[in-house]
N, C-alpha and C. Protein backbone atom coordinates (compact mmCIF):
# COMPACT_ATOMS: atom_id res chain seq x y z
N ILE A 1 179.32 115.71 196.05
CA ILE A 1 181.00 115.75 195.58
C ILE A 1 181.02 118.06 195.53
N GLU A 2 181.45 118.26 196.16
CA GLU A 2 182.45 119.45 195.99
C GLU A 2 182.63 120.12 195.24
N PRO A 3 181.99 121.48 195.20
CA PRO A 3 182.44 122.50 194.11
C PRO A 3 183.78 122.77 193.88
N ALA A 4 184.75 122.80 194.71
CA ALA A 4 185.56 122.73 194.54
C ALA A 4 186.50 121.91 193.62
N PHE A 5 185.95 120.89 194.03
CA PHE A 5 186.79 119.51 193.31
C PHE A 5 186.00 119.34 191.87
N LEU A 6 184.72 119.30 191.75
CA LEU A 6 183.92 119.63 190.81
C LEU A 6 184.45 120.62 189.75
N ILE A 7 184.37 122.12 190.16
CA ILE A 7 185.53 123.23 189.26
C ILE A 7 187.19 122.23 188.33
N LYS A 8 187.98 121.95 189.93
CA LYS A 8 189.02 121.77 189.44
C LYS A 8 189.26 120.56 188.70
N TRP A 9 188.28 119.71 188.57
CA TRP A 9 188.16 118.58 187.49
C TRP A 9 188.10 118.45 186.03
N ILE A 10 187.52 119.94 186.21
CA ILE A 10 186.03 120.37 184.98
C ILE A 10 187.67 120.95 184.18
N PHE A 11 188.56 121.93 185.07
CA PHE A 11 189.40 122.54 184.18
C PHE A 11 190.30 121.48 183.52
N LYS A 12 190.67 120.57 184.79
CA LYS A 12 191.75 119.20 184.13
C LYS A 12 191.21 118.87 182.63
N ALA A 13 190.26 118.24 182.81
CA ALA A 13 189.61 117.89 181.50
C ALA A 13 189.40 118.77 180.77
N VAL A 14 189.10 120.05 180.48
CA VAL A 14 189.71 121.36 179.48
C VAL A 14 190.74 121.30 179.23
N LEU A 15 191.63 120.76 180.07
CA LEU A 15 193.17 121.15 179.80
C LEU A 15 193.38 120.05 179.69
N ALA A 16 192.73 119.22 179.39
CA ALA A 16 193.68 117.43 178.78
C ALA A 16 193.26 117.82 177.60
N SER A 17 192.01 117.87 177.57
CA SER A 17 191.44 117.93 175.63
C SER A 17 192.24 119.10 175.13
N PHE A 18 192.34 120.13 175.54
CA PHE A 18 192.90 121.13 174.62
C PHE A 18 194.35 120.76 174.43
N VAL A 19 194.98 120.06 175.18
CA VAL A 19 196.73 118.92 175.01
C VAL A 19 196.15 118.25 173.91
N ALA A 20 195.21 117.65 173.96
CA ALA A 20 195.18 116.14 173.52
C ALA A 20 194.83 116.62 171.88
N SER A 21 194.25 117.42 171.79
CA SER A 21 193.81 117.81 170.59
C SER A 21 194.84 118.39 169.95
N ASN A 22 195.73 119.45 170.51
CA ASN A 22 197.29 120.10 169.85
C ASN A 22 198.56 119.00 170.09
N ALA A 23 198.07 117.52 170.16
CA ALA A 23 199.65 116.96 170.81
C ALA A 23 200.38 117.22 169.24
N TRP A 24 199.77 117.07 168.15
CA TRP A 24 200.46 116.95 167.01
C TRP A 24 201.68 118.77 166.99
N THR A 25 200.67 119.78 167.59
CA THR A 25 201.23 120.66 167.43
C THR A 25 202.53 120.78 168.43
N ILE A 26 202.59 120.35 169.18
CA ILE A 26 203.30 120.55 170.13
C ILE A 26 204.46 119.59 170.07
N THR A 27 204.49 118.04 169.86
CA THR A 27 205.03 117.70 168.91
C THR A 27 206.14 118.44 168.74
N MET A 28 205.45 118.45 166.91
CA MET A 28 206.36 119.45 166.02
C MET A 28 206.95 120.47 166.50
N ALA A 29 206.72 121.71 167.47
CA ALA A 29 207.08 122.66 168.57
C ALA A 29 208.40 122.19 169.12
N VAL A 30 208.88 121.39 169.40
CA VAL A 30 209.63 120.50 169.93
C VAL A 30 210.48 119.80 169.29
N PHE A 31 210.46 119.04 168.10
CA PHE A 31 211.29 119.16 167.23
C PHE A 31 212.44 120.01 166.31
N ASP A 32 210.95 121.01 166.47
CA ASP A 32 211.60 122.31 165.92
C ASP A 32 212.04 123.20 166.19
N LEU A 33 211.92 123.04 167.71
CA LEU A 33 212.40 123.24 168.16
C LEU A 33 214.76 122.95 168.57
N SER A 34 214.78 121.44 168.52
CA SER A 34 215.82 120.24 169.00
C SER A 34 216.76 120.88 167.15
N GLN A 35 215.57 120.37 166.04
CA GLN A 35 216.54 120.81 165.07
C GLN A 35 217.08 121.67 164.91
N SER A 36 216.31 123.05 164.69
CA SER A 36 217.33 124.47 165.33
C SER A 36 218.43 124.48 165.79
N ILE A 37 218.37 124.10 167.23
CA ILE A 37 219.71 123.41 168.15
C ILE A 37 220.39 122.78 166.98
N ALA A 38 220.40 121.59 166.56
CA ALA A 38 221.02 120.97 166.27
C ALA A 38 222.25 121.56 164.70
N ALA A 39 220.50 122.39 163.75
CA ALA A 39 221.48 122.42 162.72
C ALA A 39 222.21 124.13 162.59
N SER A 40 222.06 124.70 164.65
CA SER A 40 223.32 125.16 165.17
C SER A 40 224.74 125.01 165.20
N ALA A 41 224.47 123.25 165.70
CA ALA A 41 225.73 123.02 165.53
C ALA A 41 225.61 121.76 164.60
N SER A 42 225.26 121.85 164.09
CA SER A 42 226.15 121.52 162.56
C SER A 42 226.91 122.94 161.99
N GLY A 43 226.74 123.77 162.45
CA GLY A 43 228.51 124.72 161.99
C GLY A 43 229.56 124.41 162.90
N LEU A 44 229.73 123.56 163.35
CA LEU A 44 231.19 123.19 164.18
C LEU A 44 231.99 122.16 163.20
N LEU A 45 230.88 121.70 162.26
CA LEU A 45 231.31 120.84 161.47
C LEU A 45 232.60 121.27 160.37
N GLY A 46 232.27 122.82 159.86
CA GLY A 46 233.14 123.05 159.20
C GLY A 46 232.81 122.56 157.75
N GLY A 47 231.94 122.17 157.72
CA GLY A 47 231.13 122.03 156.12
C GLY A 47 231.57 120.91 155.66
N THR A 48 232.23 119.81 156.09
CA THR A 48 232.35 119.26 155.75
C THR A 48 232.08 117.85 157.18
N LEU A 49 232.23 116.48 156.53
CA LEU A 49 233.25 115.01 157.46
C LEU A 49 233.99 113.95 156.58
N SER A 50 234.48 114.51 155.53
CA SER A 50 235.36 113.61 155.33
C SER A 50 236.71 114.22 155.51
N PRO A 51 237.65 113.69 156.27
CA PRO A 51 238.73 113.98 156.69
C PRO A 51 239.92 114.13 156.04
N PHE A 52 239.81 113.61 154.55
CA PHE A 52 240.94 113.47 153.48
C PHE A 52 240.62 114.57 152.84
N SER A 53 241.58 115.71 152.66
CA SER A 53 242.05 116.35 151.87
C SER A 53 242.57 116.21 150.81
N GLN A 54 242.56 116.88 149.33
CA GLN A 54 243.39 116.61 148.36
C GLN A 54 245.33 116.60 148.64
N THR A 55 245.25 118.18 149.66
CA THR A 55 246.51 117.87 149.70
C THR A 55 246.79 116.17 150.83
N THR A 56 246.16 115.89 151.65
CA THR A 56 246.68 114.74 152.71
C THR A 56 246.39 113.65 152.02
N ILE A 57 245.51 113.55 150.36
CA ILE A 57 245.97 112.42 149.87
C ILE A 57 247.36 112.47 149.28
N ASP A 58 247.67 113.80 148.67
CA ASP A 58 249.22 114.14 147.66
C ASP A 58 250.14 113.92 149.01
N ALA A 59 250.20 113.79 150.02
CA ALA A 59 251.23 113.75 151.10
C ALA A 59 251.78 112.20 151.43
N PHE A 60 250.11 111.30 151.37
CA PHE A 60 249.74 109.97 152.10
C PHE A 60 250.65 108.97 149.92
N VAL A 61 250.33 109.83 148.59
CA VAL A 61 251.59 109.19 147.69
C VAL A 61 252.48 109.31 148.10
N ALA A 62 252.94 110.65 148.15
CA ALA A 62 254.14 110.68 147.72
C ALA A 62 255.44 109.73 149.14
N THR A 63 254.55 109.38 150.20
CA THR A 63 254.97 108.97 151.16
C THR A 63 255.16 107.54 151.11
N LEU A 64 254.34 107.06 150.04
CA LEU A 64 254.11 105.08 150.18
C LEU A 64 254.91 105.45 147.95
N GLU A 65 254.56 106.34 147.62
CA GLU A 65 255.78 105.93 146.24
C GLU A 65 257.65 105.55 146.94
N THR A 66 258.08 106.44 148.11
CA THR A 66 259.56 105.35 148.77
C THR A 66 259.61 104.14 148.89
N GLU A 67 258.60 103.97 149.41
CA GLU A 67 258.52 102.39 150.31
C GLU A 67 258.92 101.34 149.49
N THR A 68 259.30 100.25 149.86
CA THR A 68 259.72 98.98 148.84
C THR A 68 258.38 98.43 148.76
N ILE A 69 258.20 97.10 148.21
CA ILE A 69 257.27 96.29 147.32
C ILE A 69 256.96 96.02 148.67
N GLY A 70 257.81 95.03 149.44
CA GLY A 70 257.57 94.14 150.67
C GLY A 70 256.29 95.28 151.32
N ARG A 71 257.04 95.93 151.75
CA ARG A 71 256.36 97.23 152.66
C ARG A 71 254.94 97.78 151.81
N LEU A 72 254.98 98.33 151.05
CA LEU A 72 254.08 98.15 150.12
C LEU A 72 252.47 96.92 149.73
N VAL A 73 253.29 96.03 149.66
CA VAL A 73 252.27 94.79 150.24
C VAL A 73 251.63 94.32 151.75
N LEU A 74 252.01 95.03 152.30
CA LEU A 74 251.66 94.71 153.53
C LEU A 74 251.03 96.23 154.12
N ILE A 75 251.11 97.06 153.23
CA ILE A 75 250.27 98.24 153.71
C ILE A 75 249.15 97.57 152.88
N LEU A 76 249.20 97.41 152.26
CA LEU A 76 247.75 96.87 151.02
C LEU A 76 247.01 96.06 151.77
N LEU A 77 247.47 94.97 152.42
CA LEU A 77 247.12 93.87 153.12
C LEU A 77 246.50 94.38 154.41
N GLN A 78 247.07 95.28 155.20
CA GLN A 78 246.23 96.36 156.29
C GLN A 78 245.52 97.25 155.93
N SER A 79 245.17 98.18 154.27
CA SER A 79 243.84 98.40 154.00
C SER A 79 242.76 97.43 154.24
N VAL A 80 243.33 96.38 153.44
CA VAL A 80 242.28 95.87 152.82
C VAL A 80 241.84 95.27 154.56
N LEU A 81 241.92 94.98 155.77
CA LEU A 81 241.45 94.88 156.64
C LEU A 81 240.47 95.97 157.19
N SER A 82 241.49 97.21 156.87
CA SER A 82 241.22 98.33 157.46
C SER A 82 240.12 99.18 156.68
N TRP A 83 239.76 98.33 155.75
CA TRP A 83 238.27 99.19 154.80
C TRP A 83 236.91 98.52 155.59
N ALA A 84 237.48 97.28 155.66
CA ALA A 84 236.55 96.63 156.00
C ALA A 84 236.46 96.26 157.28
N ILE A 85 237.48 96.85 158.55
CA ILE A 85 236.44 97.27 159.79
C ILE A 85 235.36 98.51 159.52
N LEU A 86 235.88 99.47 158.92
CA LEU A 86 235.69 101.00 158.52
C LEU A 86 233.65 100.72 158.05
N PHE A 87 233.88 99.38 157.00
CA PHE A 87 232.60 99.52 156.79
C PHE A 87 231.82 98.61 157.65
N LEU A 88 231.88 98.13 158.11
CA LEU A 88 231.43 97.55 159.50
C LEU A 88 231.44 98.59 160.79
N ILE A 89 232.10 99.42 161.27
CA ILE A 89 231.49 100.41 161.64
C ILE A 89 230.45 101.41 161.47
N THR A 90 230.46 102.09 159.69
CA THR A 90 229.61 102.95 159.04
C THR A 90 228.06 102.04 159.56
N VAL A 91 228.07 100.86 158.42
CA VAL A 91 227.37 99.93 159.00
C VAL A 91 225.96 99.55 160.20
N GLY A 92 227.02 99.77 161.09
CA GLY A 92 226.89 100.20 163.52
C GLY A 92 226.05 101.65 163.13
N ILE A 93 227.05 102.97 162.15
CA ILE A 93 226.16 103.68 162.64
C ILE A 93 224.94 103.76 161.72
N LEU A 94 225.06 103.43 160.75
CA LEU A 94 223.94 103.80 159.63
C LEU A 94 222.09 102.76 160.88
N ILE A 95 222.67 102.12 161.59
CA ILE A 95 221.29 100.77 162.03
C ILE A 95 221.92 101.28 162.93
N LEU A 96 221.94 102.28 163.73
CA LEU A 96 222.55 103.10 165.21
C LEU A 96 221.28 104.24 164.89
N LEU A 97 221.56 105.04 163.63
CA LEU A 97 220.58 105.82 162.82
C LEU A 97 219.40 105.76 162.69
N ILE A 98 219.01 104.51 161.80
CA ILE A 98 217.63 103.96 161.16
C ILE A 98 217.32 103.60 162.76
N VAL A 99 217.46 103.16 163.30
CA VAL A 99 216.76 102.79 165.08
C VAL A 99 216.53 104.10 166.02
N ARG A 100 217.35 105.03 165.97
CA ARG A 100 217.11 106.44 166.49
C ARG A 100 215.72 106.88 164.87
N MET A 101 215.47 106.74 163.66
CA MET A 101 214.45 107.88 163.28
C MET A 101 213.21 107.01 163.51
N VAL A 102 213.06 105.13 163.47
CA VAL A 102 211.71 104.52 163.54
C VAL A 102 211.47 104.94 165.42
N GLU A 103 212.45 105.15 166.38
CA GLU A 103 212.21 105.09 167.36
C GLU A 103 211.31 106.35 167.60
N ILE A 104 211.77 107.57 167.27
CA ILE A 104 210.85 108.64 166.91
C ILE A 104 209.76 108.85 166.11
N TYR A 105 209.34 107.72 165.24
CA TYR A 105 208.37 108.17 164.73
C TYR A 105 207.48 107.32 165.33
N LEU A 106 207.74 105.80 166.25
CA LEU A 106 206.96 105.23 166.68
C LEU A 106 206.70 106.52 168.11
N THR A 107 207.25 106.87 169.06
CA THR A 107 207.04 107.83 169.70
C THR A 107 205.62 109.11 169.36
N VAL A 108 206.34 109.69 168.45
CA VAL A 108 205.01 110.63 168.09
C VAL A 108 203.69 109.63 167.52
N SER A 109 204.10 109.02 166.94
CA SER A 109 202.42 107.89 166.51
C SER A 109 201.57 107.97 167.44
N ILE A 110 201.75 108.13 168.93
CA ILE A 110 201.02 107.96 169.89
C ILE A 110 200.71 108.93 171.03
N ALA A 111 201.27 110.85 170.15
CA ALA A 111 201.59 111.23 170.40
C ALA A 111 199.79 112.21 171.67
N PRO A 112 198.79 111.83 170.78
CA PRO A 112 197.56 112.42 172.39
C PRO A 112 197.39 111.32 172.97
N ILE A 113 197.53 110.17 172.90
CA ILE A 113 197.38 109.32 174.34
C ILE A 113 198.30 109.63 175.78
N PRO A 114 199.93 109.92 176.35
CA PRO A 114 200.19 110.44 176.82
C PRO A 114 199.11 111.99 177.05
N PHE A 115 199.22 113.05 175.86
CA PHE A 115 199.23 114.69 176.64
C PHE A 115 197.83 114.32 176.81
N ALA A 116 196.93 113.56 176.37
CA ALA A 116 195.05 113.22 176.70
C ALA A 116 195.82 112.50 178.62
N ALA A 117 196.38 112.36 179.32
CA ALA A 117 196.66 111.96 180.16
C ALA A 117 197.79 113.21 181.31
N PHE A 118 198.13 114.36 180.72
CA PHE A 118 199.00 115.11 180.76
C PHE A 118 198.25 115.16 182.05
N TYR A 119 197.38 116.16 182.66
CA TYR A 119 196.69 116.83 184.01
C TYR A 119 195.94 115.40 184.92
N GLY A 120 196.24 114.19 184.47
CA GLY A 120 195.58 112.92 185.32
C GLY A 120 196.79 112.54 186.02
N LYS A 121 197.71 113.64 186.85
CA LYS A 121 199.28 112.63 187.68
C LYS A 121 198.22 111.26 188.63
N GLU A 122 196.72 111.72 189.15
CA GLU A 122 196.65 111.36 190.44
C GLU A 122 196.33 109.31 189.55
N TRP A 123 195.68 109.20 188.48
CA TRP A 123 195.59 108.30 187.44
C TRP A 123 197.18 107.72 186.76
N THR A 124 197.61 108.83 186.43
CA THR A 124 198.56 108.25 184.99
C THR A 124 199.85 108.22 185.92
N GLY A 125 200.06 108.70 186.60
CA GLY A 125 201.41 108.70 187.31
C GLY A 125 202.51 109.51 186.57
N GLY A 126 202.24 110.97 185.83
CA GLY A 126 202.74 111.51 185.42
C GLY A 126 203.44 110.56 183.53
N MET A 127 202.42 110.32 183.06
CA MET A 127 202.95 109.76 181.75
C MET A 127 202.72 110.63 180.86
N GLY A 128 202.06 112.13 181.17
CA GLY A 128 201.64 113.07 180.03
C GLY A 128 203.82 113.63 180.27
N ALA A 129 204.07 113.91 181.18
CA ALA A 129 204.94 115.07 181.55
C ALA A 129 206.46 113.80 181.13
N ASN A 130 205.92 112.99 181.49
CA ASN A 130 207.46 111.88 180.56
C ASN A 130 207.82 111.75 179.42
N TYR A 131 206.42 111.96 178.98
CA TYR A 131 206.43 111.84 177.73
C TYR A 131 206.87 112.74 176.31
N LEU A 132 206.70 114.08 177.59
CA LEU A 132 206.77 115.27 177.31
C LEU A 132 208.44 115.12 177.43
N ARG A 133 209.23 114.37 178.20
CA ARG A 133 210.41 114.72 178.69
C ARG A 133 211.69 113.51 177.31
N SER A 134 210.63 112.17 177.41
CA SER A 134 211.01 111.37 176.01
C SER A 134 211.56 112.51 174.94
N LEU A 135 210.22 113.14 174.59
CA LEU A 135 210.14 114.31 173.14
C LEU A 135 211.01 114.48 172.76
N PHE A 136 211.46 115.63 174.43
CA PHE A 136 212.75 116.27 174.91
C PHE A 136 214.03 115.75 173.99
N ALA A 137 214.60 114.65 174.97
CA ALA A 137 214.93 113.73 175.15
C ALA A 137 215.76 113.10 173.49
N LEU A 138 214.56 112.74 172.58
CA LEU A 138 214.30 111.89 171.16
C LEU A 138 215.24 113.66 170.20
N GLY A 139 214.52 114.34 170.70
CA GLY A 139 214.55 115.35 168.90
C GLY A 139 216.05 116.27 169.74
N PHE A 140 216.99 116.47 170.90
CA PHE A 140 218.09 116.96 171.32
C PHE A 140 219.49 115.40 170.59
N GLN A 141 218.95 114.12 170.80
CA GLN A 141 220.06 113.45 170.71
C GLN A 141 220.51 113.57 169.20
N GLY A 142 219.84 114.20 168.22
CA GLY A 142 220.61 115.11 166.78
C GLY A 142 221.11 115.47 167.33
N PHE A 143 220.98 116.96 168.47
CA PHE A 143 222.20 117.81 168.40
C PHE A 143 223.44 117.09 169.03
N PHE A 144 223.35 116.06 169.97
CA PHE A 144 224.55 114.95 170.65
C PHE A 144 225.39 115.05 169.40
N ILE A 145 224.09 113.51 168.10
CA ILE A 145 225.12 113.68 167.62
C ILE A 145 225.93 114.34 166.52
N MET A 146 225.47 115.58 166.39
CA MET A 146 226.12 116.43 165.56
C MET A 146 227.25 117.24 166.46
N VAL A 147 227.61 117.05 167.90
CA VAL A 147 228.43 117.09 169.04
C VAL A 147 229.83 116.19 168.62
N CYS A 148 229.21 115.03 168.67
CA CYS A 148 230.41 113.63 168.57
C CYS A 148 230.63 113.79 166.78
N LEU A 149 229.72 114.42 165.99
CA LEU A 149 230.63 114.22 164.53
C LEU A 149 231.69 115.62 164.44
N SER A 150 231.19 116.70 165.24
CA SER A 150 232.13 117.52 165.45
C SER A 150 233.31 117.66 166.26
N ILE A 151 233.05 116.71 167.19
CA ILE A 151 234.79 116.42 167.46
C ILE A 151 235.86 115.17 167.13
N TYR A 152 234.99 113.96 165.94
CA TYR A 152 235.62 113.65 165.43
C TYR A 152 236.57 113.90 164.17
N THR A 153 234.99 115.01 163.59
CA THR A 153 236.48 115.62 162.57
C THR A 153 237.55 116.54 163.01
N THR A 154 237.53 116.73 164.34
CA THR A 154 238.54 117.38 164.96
C THR A 154 239.43 117.02 165.15
N MET A 155 239.15 115.67 165.60
CA MET A 155 240.97 115.04 165.47
C MET A 155 241.26 114.08 165.01
N MET A 156 240.27 113.79 164.05
CA MET A 156 240.92 113.51 162.59
C MET A 156 241.73 114.39 161.62
N GLN A 157 241.04 115.74 161.59
CA GLN A 157 242.28 116.68 161.01
C GLN A 157 243.85 116.84 161.65
N ASN A 158 244.11 116.55 163.13
CA ASN A 158 244.91 116.38 163.97
C ASN A 158 245.78 114.94 163.73
N VAL A 159 244.97 113.88 163.37
CA VAL A 159 245.73 112.35 162.53
C VAL A 159 246.51 112.14 161.17
N LEU A 160 245.42 113.27 160.57
CA LEU A 160 245.90 112.89 159.06
C LEU A 160 246.65 113.89 158.60
N ASN A 161 247.36 115.42 159.75
CA ASN A 161 248.37 115.82 159.27
C ASN A 161 249.56 114.94 159.77
N SER A 162 249.37 113.92 160.09
CA SER A 162 251.08 113.09 160.01
C SER A 162 250.70 112.49 158.17
N THR A 163 252.68 111.91 158.38
CA THR A 163 252.43 111.40 157.04
C THR A 163 252.53 110.02 157.32
N ASP A 164 252.62 109.77 158.39
CA ASP A 164 252.56 107.50 158.30
C ASP A 164 251.50 107.71 158.11
N VAL A 165 251.38 106.42 157.34
CA VAL A 165 250.42 106.23 156.23
C VAL A 165 248.71 104.66 157.39
N VAL A 166 250.28 104.13 158.17
CA VAL A 166 249.73 102.95 158.67
C VAL A 166 249.10 103.70 159.97
N GLY A 167 250.15 104.31 160.76
CA GLY A 167 249.54 105.23 162.01
C GLY A 167 248.46 105.56 161.63
N ALA A 168 248.41 106.26 160.55
CA ALA A 168 247.05 107.19 160.17
C ALA A 168 245.48 106.57 159.88
N MET A 169 245.81 105.24 159.25
CA MET A 169 244.64 104.40 158.82
C MET A 169 243.88 104.02 159.92
N TRP A 170 245.02 103.45 161.39
CA TRP A 170 244.46 102.79 162.41
C TRP A 170 243.99 103.82 163.22
N SER A 171 244.95 105.02 163.24
CA SER A 171 243.96 106.08 163.70
C SER A 171 242.95 106.68 163.57
N TYR A 172 242.64 106.24 161.94
CA TYR A 172 240.83 106.47 161.67
C TYR A 172 240.12 105.58 161.76
N ILE A 173 240.50 104.24 161.93
CA ILE A 173 239.67 103.05 162.41
C ILE A 173 239.37 103.61 164.11
N ALA A 174 239.94 103.22 165.02
CA ALA A 174 239.96 103.76 166.55
C ALA A 174 238.83 104.79 166.35
N TYR A 175 239.18 106.03 165.63
CA TYR A 175 238.22 107.11 165.65
C TYR A 175 236.97 107.54 165.12
N SER A 176 236.72 106.11 164.31
CA SER A 176 235.69 105.59 163.53
C SER A 176 234.42 105.28 164.68
N GLY A 177 235.44 103.60 165.36
CA GLY A 177 235.44 103.14 166.85
C GLY A 177 234.20 103.85 168.01
N VAL A 178 235.47 104.63 168.24
CA VAL A 178 234.79 106.11 169.10
C VAL A 178 233.90 106.64 169.00
N LEU A 179 234.10 106.42 167.66
CA LEU A 179 232.40 107.65 166.66
C LEU A 179 231.62 106.75 167.27
N LEU A 180 231.52 106.01 166.57
CA LEU A 180 230.74 104.32 167.21
C LEU A 180 229.70 104.50 168.19
N PHE A 181 230.96 104.35 169.38
CA PHE A 181 229.99 104.25 170.99
C PHE A 181 229.92 105.22 170.85
N ALA A 182 230.13 106.42 170.82
CA ALA A 182 229.84 107.47 171.46
C ALA A 182 228.60 107.77 170.46
N VAL A 183 227.57 108.02 169.97
CA VAL A 183 227.26 107.97 168.82
C VAL A 183 225.54 106.94 169.25
N GLY A 184 226.57 105.57 169.75
CA GLY A 184 225.38 104.80 170.60
C GLY A 184 224.82 105.58 171.68
N LYS A 185 225.33 105.99 172.68
CA LYS A 185 226.07 106.51 173.93
C LYS A 185 224.99 107.86 173.85
N THR A 186 224.50 108.66 172.42
CA THR A 186 223.79 110.00 173.26
C THR A 186 222.11 109.27 173.37
N ASP A 187 222.03 108.51 172.98
CA ASP A 187 220.20 107.98 173.53
C ASP A 187 219.97 108.16 174.91
N ARG A 188 221.38 107.47 175.46
CA ARG A 188 221.46 107.87 177.25
C ARG A 188 221.41 109.00 177.88
N ILE A 189 222.97 109.83 176.80
CA ILE A 189 222.58 111.52 177.63
C ILE A 189 221.64 112.12 177.36
N ALA A 190 221.06 112.10 176.55
CA ALA A 190 220.11 112.19 176.55
C ALA A 190 218.31 112.26 177.30
N LYS A 191 218.20 111.28 177.61
CA LYS A 191 217.59 110.68 178.79
C LYS A 191 217.41 111.06 180.12
N THR A 192 218.69 111.38 180.05
CA THR A 192 219.48 111.48 181.29
C THR A 192 219.66 112.93 181.96
N ILE A 193 219.88 113.54 180.76
CA ILE A 193 219.30 115.46 180.52
C ILE A 193 218.61 115.64 181.11
N PHE A 194 217.95 115.04 180.14
CA PHE A 194 216.01 115.57 180.62
C PHE A 194 214.88 114.56 181.40
N GLY A 195 215.73 113.93 181.67
CA GLY A 195 215.43 112.61 183.73
C GLY A 195 213.34 112.38 183.10
N ALA A 196 214.53 111.35 181.19
CA ALA A 196 213.52 110.61 180.90
C ALA A 196 213.68 109.12 180.55
N HIS A 197 212.25 108.52 181.59
CA HIS A 197 212.40 106.82 181.66
C HIS A 197 212.67 106.43 180.32
């Protein structure tokens, strides 16, 4: 065995041992960084996710008071339907977020294994580097979700400035559906940006 090969192998073994023994610290550093960036993005929300202010509600009530009974019944039926659709969209977003949290916990739970293989590209095919990219992608999904929420609240403020109750209601549903779709795509966007598989 050549001495250079032996020294290189020992050096890689020491580094792999160090990285594997500090896998939790490295993992938490990645998530602390992504959490810090996501928290700074939460400032885009303007402090609230609720699109309905008291002024908006008062304007809608004033508009409804001028409507006929037949039109109010039609609006009531549309309201019940829109509530059911919004409930399903909300459940869909909640399920997506829970799935992302489970994915984070599962990925973090095996951190020492890919980190131990970080310096053995010849044998592991770059598993450690891909795992690190996956950690960054998982962490930065929170940032992308916050950006989606800030865009959503901005669009909703424009919709709710209207006095058309029915139009605002269906626009609210449409934008909520777009939010569900966008939150569902944050996983793919983050993995594409960080080059994770």
